[in-house]
Amino acid sequence: MEVKMHPDLQQYVPSFKIGCIQYESIVIDTPPKELKGRIELFQKTVELDLSEQPITYYEGVKEWRQVFKQIGVDPTRHRPSHEALFRRLKQGKGFPFSDSSAIVLNNFFSLYYQMPIGMYDLEQLQGPVEIRIGEEKDEYEGLNGRMNHMKGKITNVDQRRAFGSPMVDSKRSAVALETKHILQLLYLRPSLSDDDTRALTDNIGEMFQQVHGGHVETAVLS
């Protein structure tokens, strides 16, 4: 599926980049024990860090707060999704494990690489997909159970309507255990070099494929 980024985004954030990964013919199952063990170890490290430090101890949290400010969004009212995960750990609520290896791995990547990552069922989308600043009409029902109004915020849209953002994904495009084809969007940290963003995008695609099989294609939009 064609995925593009509107040039207006770089008027607000000149080094704005998106990692785009498409998976085909994958198999989603319960998370492997090895993955759960690695995540639990990582969780303990984060909880130890955050017992003595604020959320902004992590550069990726500070960076995405700044991105929101540059676009004109108050990051204290609308939090990037990875910051919400860090806050969950700081509050002692633990990592949000589920029966879906895809969702668990996606959340782990978001914490580990300190950036929002969206994951969407390709069969629920009508391409092309564009990442842009939301307009008055852009809204969607989110996984948070609320209607999310996207005017002035970074959002993803297909031929039907908005379906996701760096804050929360939509119910319409949610990945289920039966999902076979996925679009994963990495809202990359603007400070990363072109080489680093390319390597990071490829690495995430490779690690996701190791767990789920199938075919993977990666690209960086800048």
N, C-alpha and C. Protein backbone atom coordinates (compact mmCIF):
# COMPACT_ATOMS: atom_id res chain seq x y z
N MET A 1 0.84 -1.20 0.00
CA MET A 1 0.00 0.00 0.00
C MET A 1 0.87 1.25 0.00
N GLU A 2 0.47 2.23 -0.79
CA GLU A 2 1.23 3.49 -0.83
C GLU A 2 1.03 4.27 0.46
N VAL A 3 2.13 4.74 1.04
CA VAL A 3 2.10 5.56 2.25
C VAL A 3 2.93 6.80 1.98
N LYS A 4 2.39 7.98 2.27
CA LYS A 4 3.12 9.21 2.02
C LYS A 4 2.97 10.16 3.20
N MET A 5 3.88 11.11 3.28
CA MET A 5 3.89 12.09 4.36
C MET A 5 3.67 13.47 3.75
N HIS A 6 2.72 14.23 4.29
CA HIS A 6 2.45 15.57 3.76
C HIS A 6 3.61 16.50 4.08
N PRO A 7 4.06 17.29 3.09
CA PRO A 7 5.22 18.18 3.32
C PRO A 7 5.00 19.24 4.39
N ASP A 8 3.75 19.55 4.72
CA ASP A 8 3.49 20.55 5.77
C ASP A 8 4.10 20.15 7.11
N LEU A 9 4.21 18.85 7.37
CA LEU A 9 4.77 18.40 8.64
C LEU A 9 6.18 18.93 8.85
N GLN A 10 6.95 18.99 7.77
CA GLN A 10 8.34 19.44 7.90
C GLN A 10 8.46 20.96 7.97
N GLN A 11 7.36 21.67 7.74
CA GLN A 11 7.37 23.11 8.01
C GLN A 11 7.35 23.36 9.52
N TYR A 12 6.72 22.47 10.25
CA TYR A 12 6.70 22.56 11.72
C TYR A 12 7.94 21.93 12.34
N VAL A 13 8.31 20.76 11.83
CA VAL A 13 9.46 20.00 12.35
C VAL A 13 10.33 19.60 11.16
N PRO A 14 11.36 20.40 10.83
CA PRO A 14 12.13 20.18 9.60
C PRO A 14 12.70 18.77 9.44
N SER A 15 13.07 18.12 10.53
CA SER A 15 13.66 16.78 10.43
C SER A 15 12.66 15.67 10.74
N PHE A 16 11.38 15.95 10.56
CA PHE A 16 10.33 14.96 10.83
C PHE A 16 10.47 13.78 9.87
N LYS A 17 10.42 12.56 10.40
CA LYS A 17 10.56 11.35 9.59
C LYS A 17 9.62 10.27 10.11
N ILE A 18 9.21 9.41 9.20
CA ILE A 18 8.33 8.29 9.54
C ILE A 18 8.96 7.00 9.02
N GLY A 19 9.07 6.00 9.87
CA GLY A 19 9.46 4.67 9.43
C GLY A 19 8.20 3.90 9.04
N CYS A 20 8.21 3.31 7.88
CA CYS A 20 7.03 2.61 7.36
C CYS A 20 7.39 1.14 7.13
N ILE A 21 6.68 0.24 7.79
CA ILE A 21 6.93 -1.19 7.65
C ILE A 21 5.62 -1.89 7.29
N GLN A 22 5.65 -2.70 6.24
CA GLN A 22 4.48 -3.47 5.85
C GLN A 22 4.80 -4.96 5.94
N TYR A 23 3.93 -5.67 6.64
CA TYR A 23 4.09 -7.12 6.82
C TYR A 23 2.96 -7.84 6.10
N GLU A 24 3.30 -8.94 5.44
CA GLU A 24 2.29 -9.75 4.76
C GLU A 24 2.40 -11.20 5.21
N SER A 25 1.25 -11.84 5.33
CA SER A 25 1.16 -13.28 5.63
C SER A 25 1.83 -13.64 6.95
N ILE A 26 1.59 -12.84 7.98
CA ILE A 26 2.16 -13.12 9.30
C ILE A 26 1.22 -14.02 10.10
N VAL A 27 1.73 -14.57 11.20
CA VAL A 27 0.92 -15.38 12.12
C VAL A 27 1.10 -14.80 13.52
N ILE A 28 0.00 -14.31 14.10
CA ILE A 28 0.02 -13.75 15.45
C ILE A 28 -0.42 -14.82 16.44
N ASP A 29 0.29 -14.93 17.52
CA ASP A 29 0.00 -15.95 18.54
C ASP A 29 0.22 -15.33 19.92
N THR A 30 0.18 -16.15 20.95
CA THR A 30 0.53 -15.66 22.28
C THR A 30 2.02 -15.34 22.31
N PRO A 31 2.45 -14.38 23.12
CA PRO A 31 3.86 -14.00 23.16
C PRO A 31 4.75 -15.16 23.61
N PRO A 32 5.87 -15.39 22.93
CA PRO A 32 6.81 -16.44 23.36
C PRO A 32 7.35 -16.15 24.76
N LYS A 33 7.66 -17.21 25.51
CA LYS A 33 8.17 -17.04 26.87
C LYS A 33 9.45 -16.22 26.89
N GLU A 34 10.30 -16.43 25.87
CA GLU A 34 11.57 -15.69 25.82
C GLU A 34 11.33 -14.19 25.71
N LEU A 35 10.33 -13.82 24.91
CA LEU A 35 9.99 -12.41 24.75
C LEU A 35 9.46 -11.84 26.06
N LYS A 36 8.57 -12.56 26.71
CA LYS A 36 8.02 -12.09 27.98
C LYS A 36 9.11 -11.91 29.02
N GLY A 37 10.06 -12.84 29.03
CA GLY A 37 11.16 -12.73 29.99
C GLY A 37 12.02 -11.51 29.74
N ARG A 38 12.29 -11.23 28.47
CA ARG A 38 13.10 -10.05 28.13
C ARG A 38 12.37 -8.77 28.50
N ILE A 39 11.07 -8.74 28.24
CA ILE A 39 10.29 -7.54 28.56
C ILE A 39 10.23 -7.32 30.07
N GLU A 40 10.05 -8.38 30.82
CA GLU A 40 9.99 -8.25 32.28
C GLU A 40 11.30 -7.71 32.85
N LEU A 41 12.42 -8.15 32.28
CA LEU A 41 13.72 -7.63 32.71
C LEU A 41 13.85 -6.15 32.37
N PHE A 42 13.43 -5.78 31.16
CA PHE A 42 13.47 -4.39 30.74
C PHE A 42 12.55 -3.54 31.62
N GLN A 43 11.39 -4.07 31.93
CA GLN A 43 10.43 -3.35 32.78
C GLN A 43 11.04 -3.01 34.13
N LYS A 44 11.75 -3.95 34.72
CA LYS A 44 12.38 -3.71 36.02
C LYS A 44 13.41 -2.59 35.94
N THR A 45 14.16 -2.55 34.83
CA THR A 45 15.15 -1.49 34.64
C THR A 45 14.47 -0.13 34.56
N VAL A 46 13.39 -0.06 33.77
CA VAL A 46 12.66 1.21 33.62
C VAL A 46 12.05 1.64 34.96
N GLU A 47 11.44 0.71 35.66
CA GLU A 47 10.82 1.05 36.95
C GLU A 47 11.86 1.55 37.95
N LEU A 48 13.05 0.97 37.91
CA LEU A 48 14.12 1.43 38.79
C LEU A 48 14.55 2.85 38.42
N ASP A 49 14.70 3.10 37.11
CA ASP A 49 15.05 4.45 36.65
C ASP A 49 14.01 5.47 37.12
N LEU A 50 12.73 5.12 36.91
CA LEU A 50 11.66 6.07 37.17
C LEU A 50 11.30 6.19 38.64
N SER A 51 11.85 5.33 39.47
CA SER A 51 11.64 5.49 40.91
C SER A 51 12.42 6.68 41.44
N GLU A 52 13.43 7.11 40.68
CA GLU A 52 14.28 8.22 41.12
C GLU A 52 14.26 9.40 40.15
N GLN A 53 13.70 9.18 38.95
CA GLN A 53 13.75 10.21 37.91
C GLN A 53 12.35 10.51 37.37
N PRO A 54 12.15 11.71 36.80
CA PRO A 54 10.88 12.01 36.14
C PRO A 54 10.80 11.31 34.79
N ILE A 55 9.62 11.32 34.19
CA ILE A 55 9.42 10.72 32.87
C ILE A 55 10.38 11.31 31.85
N THR A 56 10.66 12.60 31.98
CA THR A 56 11.54 13.28 31.02
C THR A 56 13.01 12.88 31.17
N TYR A 57 13.29 11.93 32.04
CA TYR A 57 14.62 11.32 32.10
C TYR A 57 14.96 10.70 30.75
N TYR A 58 13.94 10.27 30.03
CA TYR A 58 14.14 9.64 28.73
C TYR A 58 14.09 10.69 27.62
N GLU A 59 15.15 10.72 26.82
CA GLU A 59 15.27 11.72 25.76
C GLU A 59 14.12 11.63 24.76
N GLY A 60 13.66 10.40 24.49
CA GLY A 60 12.57 10.23 23.53
C GLY A 60 11.27 10.85 24.00
N VAL A 61 11.07 10.92 25.30
CA VAL A 61 9.88 11.59 25.85
C VAL A 61 10.02 13.10 25.68
N LYS A 62 11.18 13.62 26.03
CA LYS A 62 11.41 15.07 25.88
C LYS A 62 11.28 15.50 24.42
N GLU A 63 11.83 14.67 23.54
CA GLU A 63 11.84 15.03 22.13
C GLU A 63 10.43 15.09 21.55
N TRP A 64 9.60 14.11 21.91
CA TRP A 64 8.25 14.11 21.35
C TRP A 64 7.35 15.15 22.00
N ARG A 65 7.63 15.51 23.22
CA ARG A 65 6.91 16.66 23.80
C ARG A 65 7.22 17.92 22.99
N GLN A 66 8.47 18.07 22.61
CA GLN A 66 8.88 19.23 21.83
C GLN A 66 8.23 19.22 20.44
N VAL A 67 8.14 18.04 19.82
CA VAL A 67 7.46 17.93 18.53
C VAL A 67 6.02 18.41 18.64
N PHE A 68 5.32 17.95 19.65
CA PHE A 68 3.93 18.37 19.84
C PHE A 68 3.85 19.89 20.01
N LYS A 69 4.76 20.45 20.80
CA LYS A 69 4.76 21.91 21.01
C LYS A 69 4.98 22.65 19.69
N GLN A 70 5.89 22.16 18.85
CA GLN A 70 6.18 22.82 17.58
C GLN A 70 4.97 22.79 16.66
N ILE A 71 4.16 21.76 16.77
CA ILE A 71 2.97 21.65 15.93
C ILE A 71 1.81 22.46 16.51
N GLY A 72 1.91 22.78 17.80
CA GLY A 72 0.86 23.56 18.45
C GLY A 72 -0.07 22.73 19.31
N VAL A 73 0.41 21.54 19.72
CA VAL A 73 -0.38 20.65 20.57
C VAL A 73 0.22 20.65 21.98
N ASP A 74 -0.62 20.79 22.99
CA ASP A 74 -0.16 20.79 24.37
C ASP A 74 0.13 19.34 24.81
N PRO A 75 1.40 18.98 25.03
CA PRO A 75 1.73 17.59 25.37
C PRO A 75 1.29 17.17 26.77
N THR A 76 0.86 18.13 27.58
CA THR A 76 0.33 17.76 28.90
C THR A 76 -1.15 17.37 28.82
N ARG A 77 -1.80 17.76 27.73
CA ARG A 77 -3.21 17.38 27.51
C ARG A 77 -3.34 16.20 26.56
N HIS A 78 -2.45 16.13 25.58
CA HIS A 78 -2.48 15.05 24.59
C HIS A 78 -1.10 14.40 24.59
N ARG A 79 -0.98 13.25 25.22
CA ARG A 79 0.33 12.62 25.42
C ARG A 79 0.66 11.65 24.28
N PRO A 80 1.91 11.68 23.81
CA PRO A 80 2.37 10.65 22.88
C PRO A 80 2.22 9.26 23.53
N SER A 81 1.94 8.26 22.71
CA SER A 81 1.61 6.93 23.25
C SER A 81 2.75 6.30 24.03
N HIS A 82 4.00 6.55 23.64
CA HIS A 82 5.10 5.94 24.38
C HIS A 82 5.24 6.57 25.77
N GLU A 83 4.93 7.87 25.87
CA GLU A 83 4.96 8.51 27.19
C GLU A 83 3.90 7.90 28.10
N ALA A 84 2.74 7.58 27.53
CA ALA A 84 1.68 6.94 28.33
C ALA A 84 2.15 5.59 28.87
N LEU A 85 2.93 4.86 28.06
CA LEU A 85 3.46 3.57 28.52
C LEU A 85 4.47 3.77 29.65
N PHE A 86 5.36 4.76 29.50
CA PHE A 86 6.31 5.05 30.57
C PHE A 86 5.58 5.46 31.86
N ARG A 87 4.53 6.25 31.73
CA ARG A 87 3.77 6.67 32.90
C ARG A 87 3.12 5.47 33.59
N ARG A 88 2.66 4.54 32.80
CA ARG A 88 2.06 3.33 33.36
C ARG A 88 3.07 2.59 34.24
N LEU A 89 4.31 2.47 33.75
CA LEU A 89 5.34 1.79 34.53
C LEU A 89 5.71 2.59 35.78
N LYS A 90 5.78 3.90 35.64
CA LYS A 90 6.12 4.74 36.80
C LYS A 90 5.06 4.63 37.89
N GLN A 91 3.81 4.44 37.49
CA GLN A 91 2.71 4.33 38.45
C GLN A 91 2.58 2.92 39.04
N GLY A 92 3.47 2.02 38.62
CA GLY A 92 3.45 0.66 39.16
C GLY A 92 2.38 -0.24 38.57
N LYS A 93 1.85 0.13 37.40
CA LYS A 93 0.79 -0.66 36.77
C LYS A 93 1.32 -1.79 35.90
N GLY A 94 2.63 -1.80 35.66
CA GLY A 94 3.23 -2.88 34.90
C GLY A 94 3.08 -2.74 33.39
N PHE A 95 3.80 -3.58 32.68
CA PHE A 95 3.73 -3.60 31.21
C PHE A 95 2.40 -4.21 30.79
N PRO A 96 1.75 -3.65 29.75
CA PRO A 96 0.43 -4.14 29.33
C PRO A 96 0.51 -5.42 28.49
N PHE A 97 0.81 -6.53 29.13
CA PHE A 97 0.85 -7.80 28.41
C PHE A 97 -0.55 -8.16 27.89
N SER A 98 -0.60 -8.87 26.77
CA SER A 98 -1.86 -9.34 26.21
C SER A 98 -1.63 -10.70 25.56
N ASP A 99 -2.68 -11.27 24.98
CA ASP A 99 -2.56 -12.56 24.29
C ASP A 99 -2.01 -12.42 22.89
N SER A 100 -1.76 -11.20 22.45
CA SER A 100 -1.29 -10.93 21.09
C SER A 100 0.20 -10.64 21.08
N SER A 101 0.97 -11.50 20.43
CA SER A 101 2.41 -11.28 20.32
C SER A 101 2.71 -9.99 19.57
N ALA A 102 1.85 -9.63 18.60
CA ALA A 102 2.08 -8.41 17.82
C ALA A 102 1.94 -7.17 18.69
N ILE A 103 0.89 -7.11 19.49
CA ILE A 103 0.65 -5.94 20.34
C ILE A 103 1.72 -5.83 21.41
N VAL A 104 2.08 -6.95 22.02
CA VAL A 104 3.11 -6.94 23.06
C VAL A 104 4.44 -6.47 22.49
N LEU A 105 4.82 -6.98 21.34
CA LEU A 105 6.10 -6.60 20.74
C LEU A 105 6.08 -5.14 20.31
N ASN A 106 4.96 -4.67 19.78
CA ASN A 106 4.85 -3.27 19.37
C ASN A 106 5.03 -2.33 20.56
N ASN A 107 4.39 -2.66 21.68
CA ASN A 107 4.54 -1.82 22.88
C ASN A 107 5.97 -1.86 23.43
N PHE A 108 6.59 -3.02 23.35
CA PHE A 108 7.98 -3.13 23.79
C PHE A 108 8.89 -2.26 22.93
N PHE A 109 8.72 -2.33 21.61
CA PHE A 109 9.52 -1.49 20.72
C PHE A 109 9.33 -0.01 21.05
N SER A 110 8.10 0.39 21.33
CA SER A 110 7.79 1.79 21.62
C SER A 110 8.54 2.27 22.86
N LEU A 111 8.58 1.44 23.89
CA LEU A 111 9.33 1.78 25.10
C LEU A 111 10.83 1.73 24.86
N TYR A 112 11.29 0.67 24.25
CA TYR A 112 12.73 0.45 24.09
C TYR A 112 13.37 1.54 23.23
N TYR A 113 12.68 1.93 22.15
CA TYR A 113 13.22 2.95 21.24
C TYR A 113 12.70 4.35 21.55
N GLN A 114 11.85 4.47 22.58
CA GLN A 114 11.38 5.77 23.08
C GLN A 114 10.70 6.61 21.99
N MET A 115 9.69 6.01 21.36
CA MET A 115 8.95 6.73 20.32
C MET A 115 7.57 6.10 20.16
N PRO A 116 6.60 6.88 19.69
CA PRO A 116 5.29 6.30 19.39
C PRO A 116 5.39 5.36 18.18
N ILE A 117 4.67 4.26 18.23
CA ILE A 117 4.60 3.34 17.10
C ILE A 117 3.15 2.92 16.92
N GLY A 118 2.62 3.14 15.72
CA GLY A 118 1.26 2.72 15.41
C GLY A 118 1.26 1.43 14.62
N MET A 119 0.24 0.61 14.82
CA MET A 119 0.15 -0.68 14.14
C MET A 119 -1.29 -0.88 13.67
N TYR A 120 -1.47 -1.19 12.37
CA TYR A 120 -2.79 -1.16 11.76
C TYR A 120 -3.02 -2.39 10.87
N ASP A 121 -4.24 -2.89 10.90
CA ASP A 121 -4.63 -4.01 10.04
C ASP A 121 -4.82 -3.48 8.62
N LEU A 122 -3.96 -3.90 7.72
CA LEU A 122 -3.99 -3.38 6.35
C LEU A 122 -5.31 -3.68 5.65
N GLU A 123 -5.96 -4.78 6.00
CA GLU A 123 -7.21 -5.14 5.32
C GLU A 123 -8.35 -4.21 5.71
N GLN A 124 -8.16 -3.43 6.76
CA GLN A 124 -9.19 -2.47 7.18
C GLN A 124 -8.94 -1.07 6.61
N LEU A 125 -7.87 -0.92 5.83
CA LEU A 125 -7.52 0.39 5.28
C LEU A 125 -7.75 0.42 3.77
N GLN A 126 -8.05 1.62 3.27
CA GLN A 126 -8.23 1.86 1.85
C GLN A 126 -7.19 2.87 1.42
N GLY A 127 -6.15 2.40 0.73
CA GLY A 127 -5.05 3.28 0.38
C GLY A 127 -5.39 4.27 -0.72
N PRO A 128 -4.49 5.26 -0.91
CA PRO A 128 -3.23 5.45 -0.18
C PRO A 128 -3.43 6.02 1.23
N VAL A 129 -2.39 5.88 2.03
CA VAL A 129 -2.37 6.41 3.40
C VAL A 129 -1.51 7.66 3.43
N GLU A 130 -1.95 8.68 4.15
CA GLU A 130 -1.15 9.90 4.29
C GLU A 130 -1.05 10.28 5.77
N ILE A 131 0.17 10.67 6.18
CA ILE A 131 0.38 11.22 7.52
C ILE A 131 0.42 12.73 7.36
N ARG A 132 -0.44 13.45 8.07
CA ARG A 132 -0.54 14.91 7.90
C ARG A 132 -1.10 15.55 9.16
N ILE A 133 -1.22 16.87 9.11
CA ILE A 133 -1.89 17.61 10.19
C ILE A 133 -3.40 17.48 10.00
N GLY A 134 -4.09 17.11 11.07
CA GLY A 134 -5.52 16.87 10.96
C GLY A 134 -6.32 18.12 10.63
N GLU A 135 -7.44 17.90 9.93
CA GLU A 135 -8.37 18.96 9.56
C GLU A 135 -9.62 18.87 10.44
N GLU A 136 -10.50 19.83 10.27
CA GLU A 136 -11.73 19.90 11.08
C GLU A 136 -12.52 18.59 11.03
N LYS A 137 -12.56 17.96 9.87
CA LYS A 137 -13.38 16.75 9.68
C LYS A 137 -12.75 15.49 10.27
N ASP A 138 -11.47 15.53 10.62
CA ASP A 138 -10.74 14.32 10.99
C ASP A 138 -11.02 13.90 12.43
N GLU A 139 -11.60 12.73 12.58
CA GLU A 139 -11.86 12.17 13.90
C GLU A 139 -12.02 10.66 13.77
N TYR A 140 -11.82 9.95 14.88
CA TYR A 140 -12.02 8.50 14.86
C TYR A 140 -12.23 7.99 16.28
N GLU A 141 -12.89 6.84 16.38
CA GLU A 141 -13.06 6.19 17.67
C GLU A 141 -11.77 5.45 18.00
N GLY A 142 -11.17 5.79 19.12
CA GLY A 142 -9.87 5.23 19.46
C GLY A 142 -9.96 4.00 20.34
N LEU A 143 -8.82 3.33 20.48
CA LEU A 143 -8.73 2.19 21.38
C LEU A 143 -8.91 2.61 22.84
N ASN A 144 -8.85 3.92 23.08
CA ASN A 144 -9.09 4.44 24.43
C ASN A 144 -10.59 4.58 24.73
N GLY A 145 -11.43 4.19 23.75
CA GLY A 145 -12.87 4.24 23.95
C GLY A 145 -13.49 5.61 23.74
N ARG A 146 -12.70 6.57 23.29
CA ARG A 146 -13.20 7.93 23.10
C ARG A 146 -13.15 8.32 21.62
N MET A 147 -13.97 9.30 21.26
CA MET A 147 -13.88 9.89 19.94
C MET A 147 -12.72 10.89 19.97
N ASN A 148 -11.75 10.70 19.10
CA ASN A 148 -10.56 11.54 19.07
C ASN A 148 -10.66 12.54 17.92
N HIS A 149 -10.68 13.81 18.26
CA HIS A 149 -10.77 14.88 17.27
C HIS A 149 -9.36 15.33 16.92
N MET A 150 -9.02 15.27 15.64
CA MET A 150 -7.62 15.38 15.23
C MET A 150 -7.25 16.71 14.59
N LYS A 151 -8.13 17.69 14.61
CA LYS A 151 -7.78 18.98 14.03
C LYS A 151 -6.51 19.54 14.69
N GLY A 152 -5.51 19.89 13.85
CA GLY A 152 -4.27 20.47 14.34
C GLY A 152 -3.28 19.49 14.92
N LYS A 153 -3.61 18.19 14.87
CA LYS A 153 -2.71 17.16 15.43
C LYS A 153 -2.20 16.26 14.32
N ILE A 154 -1.08 15.60 14.56
CA ILE A 154 -0.57 14.63 13.59
C ILE A 154 -1.54 13.46 13.51
N THR A 155 -1.95 13.11 12.30
CA THR A 155 -2.89 12.00 12.14
C THR A 155 -2.62 11.24 10.85
N ASN A 156 -3.09 10.01 10.81
CA ASN A 156 -2.99 9.17 9.61
C ASN A 156 -4.38 9.07 9.00
N VAL A 157 -4.47 9.22 7.69
CA VAL A 157 -5.77 9.11 7.03
C VAL A 157 -5.65 8.20 5.82
N ASP A 158 -6.74 7.47 5.52
CA ASP A 158 -6.81 6.72 4.28
C ASP A 158 -7.94 7.31 3.44
N GLN A 159 -8.43 6.59 2.45
CA GLN A 159 -9.48 7.12 1.59
C GLN A 159 -10.82 7.26 2.31
N ARG A 160 -10.95 6.60 3.45
CA ARG A 160 -12.21 6.67 4.19
C ARG A 160 -12.19 7.80 5.21
N ARG A 161 -11.21 7.78 6.12
CA ARG A 161 -11.14 8.82 7.16
C ARG A 161 -9.88 8.61 8.00
N ALA A 162 -9.72 9.42 9.03
CA ALA A 162 -8.57 9.28 9.93
C ALA A 162 -8.65 7.94 10.67
N PHE A 163 -7.47 7.38 10.97
CA PHE A 163 -7.48 6.08 11.65
C PHE A 163 -6.37 5.89 12.68
N GLY A 164 -5.58 6.92 12.96
CA GLY A 164 -4.53 6.73 13.95
C GLY A 164 -3.69 7.98 14.11
N SER A 165 -2.79 7.94 15.09
CA SER A 165 -1.93 9.08 15.39
C SER A 165 -0.83 8.63 16.33
N PRO A 166 0.13 9.52 16.65
CA PRO A 166 1.14 9.16 17.66
C PRO A 166 0.58 9.06 19.08
N MET A 167 -0.71 9.33 19.25
CA MET A 167 -1.32 9.29 20.58
C MET A 167 -2.09 8.00 20.83
N VAL A 168 -2.94 7.62 19.87
CA VAL A 168 -3.78 6.43 20.06
C VAL A 168 -4.24 5.94 18.69
N ASP A 169 -4.37 4.62 18.56
CA ASP A 169 -4.84 4.03 17.31
C ASP A 169 -6.36 3.89 17.34
N SER A 170 -6.94 3.56 16.18
CA SER A 170 -8.40 3.50 16.07
C SER A 170 -8.91 2.07 16.22
N LYS A 171 -10.17 1.97 16.62
CA LYS A 171 -10.81 0.65 16.67
C LYS A 171 -10.94 0.06 15.28
N ARG A 172 -11.21 0.91 14.29
CA ARG A 172 -11.42 0.41 12.92
C ARG A 172 -10.24 -0.37 12.40
N SER A 173 -9.03 0.11 12.67
CA SER A 173 -7.83 -0.50 12.09
C SER A 173 -7.07 -1.37 13.09
N ALA A 174 -7.71 -1.70 14.22
CA ALA A 174 -7.01 -2.44 15.28
C ALA A 174 -6.55 -3.82 14.80
N VAL A 175 -5.38 -4.22 15.25
CA VAL A 175 -4.81 -5.52 14.92
C VAL A 175 -5.40 -6.58 15.85
N ALA A 176 -5.92 -7.67 15.26
CA ALA A 176 -6.50 -8.78 16.01
C ALA A 176 -5.62 -10.02 15.84
N LEU A 177 -5.94 -11.06 16.59
CA LEU A 177 -5.18 -12.31 16.46
C LEU A 177 -5.29 -12.89 15.05
N GLU A 178 -6.38 -12.59 14.36
CA GLU A 178 -6.60 -13.12 13.01
C GLU A 178 -5.92 -12.29 11.93
N THR A 179 -5.39 -11.14 12.29
CA THR A 179 -4.78 -10.24 11.30
C THR A 179 -3.59 -10.90 10.62
N LYS A 180 -3.53 -10.76 9.29
CA LYS A 180 -2.45 -11.37 8.51
C LYS A 180 -1.53 -10.34 7.86
N HIS A 181 -2.03 -9.13 7.69
CA HIS A 181 -1.27 -8.09 6.99
C HIS A 181 -1.29 -6.81 7.83
N ILE A 182 -0.13 -6.26 8.11
CA ILE A 182 -0.02 -5.13 9.04
C ILE A 182 0.77 -3.97 8.42
N LEU A 183 0.31 -2.76 8.71
CA LEU A 183 1.08 -1.54 8.46
C LEU A 183 1.55 -1.03 9.81
N GLN A 184 2.85 -0.85 9.96
CA GLN A 184 3.44 -0.33 11.20
C GLN A 184 4.10 1.01 10.88
N LEU A 185 3.72 2.04 11.61
CA LEU A 185 4.28 3.37 11.41
C LEU A 185 5.10 3.77 12.63
N LEU A 186 6.38 4.06 12.39
CA LEU A 186 7.29 4.48 13.45
C LEU A 186 7.38 6.00 13.41
N TYR A 187 6.96 6.66 14.47
CA TYR A 187 7.06 8.12 14.55
C TYR A 187 8.45 8.42 15.12
N LEU A 188 9.40 8.49 14.22
CA LEU A 188 10.82 8.51 14.59
C LEU A 188 11.22 9.79 15.31
N ARG A 189 12.20 9.67 16.18
CA ARG A 189 12.73 10.84 16.87
C ARG A 189 13.47 11.72 15.86
N PRO A 190 13.10 12.99 15.74
CA PRO A 190 13.71 13.86 14.73
C PRO A 190 15.22 14.01 14.86
N SER A 191 15.77 13.79 16.05
CA SER A 191 17.21 13.97 16.25
C SER A 191 18.04 12.85 15.62
N LEU A 192 17.41 11.74 15.27
CA LEU A 192 18.15 10.61 14.71
C LEU A 192 18.63 10.93 13.30
N SER A 193 19.82 10.48 12.98
CA SER A 193 20.37 10.69 11.64
C SER A 193 19.64 9.81 10.63
N ASP A 194 19.82 10.12 9.35
CA ASP A 194 19.19 9.30 8.30
C ASP A 194 19.66 7.85 8.38
N ASP A 195 20.95 7.66 8.62
CA ASP A 195 21.48 6.29 8.72
C ASP A 195 20.87 5.55 9.91
N ASP A 196 20.74 6.25 11.03
CA ASP A 196 20.18 5.61 12.23
C ASP A 196 18.70 5.27 12.04
N THR A 197 17.95 6.15 11.39
CA THR A 197 16.53 5.87 11.18
C THR A 197 16.35 4.69 10.24
N ARG A 198 17.19 4.61 9.23
CA ARG A 198 17.12 3.48 8.30
C ARG A 198 17.43 2.17 9.01
N ALA A 199 18.51 2.17 9.81
CA ALA A 199 18.91 0.96 10.52
C ALA A 199 17.85 0.56 11.55
N LEU A 200 17.30 1.53 12.27
CA LEU A 200 16.29 1.24 13.29
C LEU A 200 15.04 0.64 12.65
N THR A 201 14.59 1.23 11.55
CA THR A 201 13.41 0.72 10.86
C THR A 201 13.62 -0.70 10.37
N ASP A 202 14.77 -0.96 9.77
CA ASP A 202 15.08 -2.31 9.30
C ASP A 202 15.15 -3.31 10.46
N ASN A 203 15.75 -2.89 11.57
CA ASN A 203 15.90 -3.78 12.73
C ASN A 203 14.54 -4.16 13.32
N ILE A 204 13.65 -3.18 13.44
CA ILE A 204 12.33 -3.47 13.98
C ILE A 204 11.58 -4.44 13.05
N GLY A 205 11.66 -4.18 11.75
CA GLY A 205 11.02 -5.09 10.80
C GLY A 205 11.54 -6.51 10.90
N GLU A 206 12.86 -6.63 11.03
CA GLU A 206 13.47 -7.96 11.12
C GLU A 206 13.07 -8.67 12.41
N MET A 207 13.09 -7.95 13.53
CA MET A 207 12.74 -8.59 14.81
C MET A 207 11.27 -8.99 14.85
N PHE A 208 10.39 -8.16 14.29
CA PHE A 208 8.97 -8.49 14.24
C PHE A 208 8.75 -9.72 13.37
N GLN A 209 9.46 -9.79 12.26
CA GLN A 209 9.34 -10.93 11.35
C GLN A 209 9.85 -12.22 11.98
N GLN A 210 10.89 -12.13 12.80
CA GLN A 210 11.41 -13.32 13.47
C GLN A 210 10.35 -13.99 14.34
N VAL A 211 9.49 -13.19 14.93
CA VAL A 211 8.43 -13.72 15.80
C VAL A 211 7.21 -14.16 14.99
N HIS A 212 6.89 -13.43 13.91
CA HIS A 212 5.61 -13.63 13.23
C HIS A 212 5.71 -14.21 11.82
N GLY A 213 6.94 -14.37 11.30
CA GLY A 213 7.08 -14.91 9.96
C GLY A 213 6.61 -13.94 8.89
N GLY A 214 6.24 -14.47 7.73
CA GLY A 214 5.72 -13.64 6.66
C GLY A 214 6.78 -12.88 5.89
N HIS A 215 6.33 -11.87 5.18
CA HIS A 215 7.20 -11.04 4.33
C HIS A 215 7.18 -9.61 4.86
N VAL A 216 8.32 -8.93 4.81
CA VAL A 216 8.40 -7.57 5.34
C VAL A 216 9.04 -6.63 4.33
N GLU A 217 8.51 -5.41 4.24
CA GLU A 217 9.10 -4.34 3.43
C GLU A 217 9.21 -3.10 4.30
N THR A 218 10.36 -2.43 4.25
CA THR A 218 10.57 -1.24 5.07
C THR A 218 10.93 -0.04 4.21
N ALA A 219 10.60 1.14 4.72
CA ALA A 219 10.95 2.40 4.05
C ALA A 219 10.97 3.50 5.10
N VAL A 220 11.69 4.58 4.80
CA VAL A 220 11.69 5.77 5.66
C VAL A 220 11.19 6.94 4.84
N LEU A 221 10.17 7.62 5.34
CA LEU A 221 9.61 8.80 4.68
C LEU A 221 10.21 10.04 5.31
N SER A 222 10.80 10.91 4.49
CA SER A 222 11.42 12.12 5.04
C SER A 222 11.32 13.25 4.03
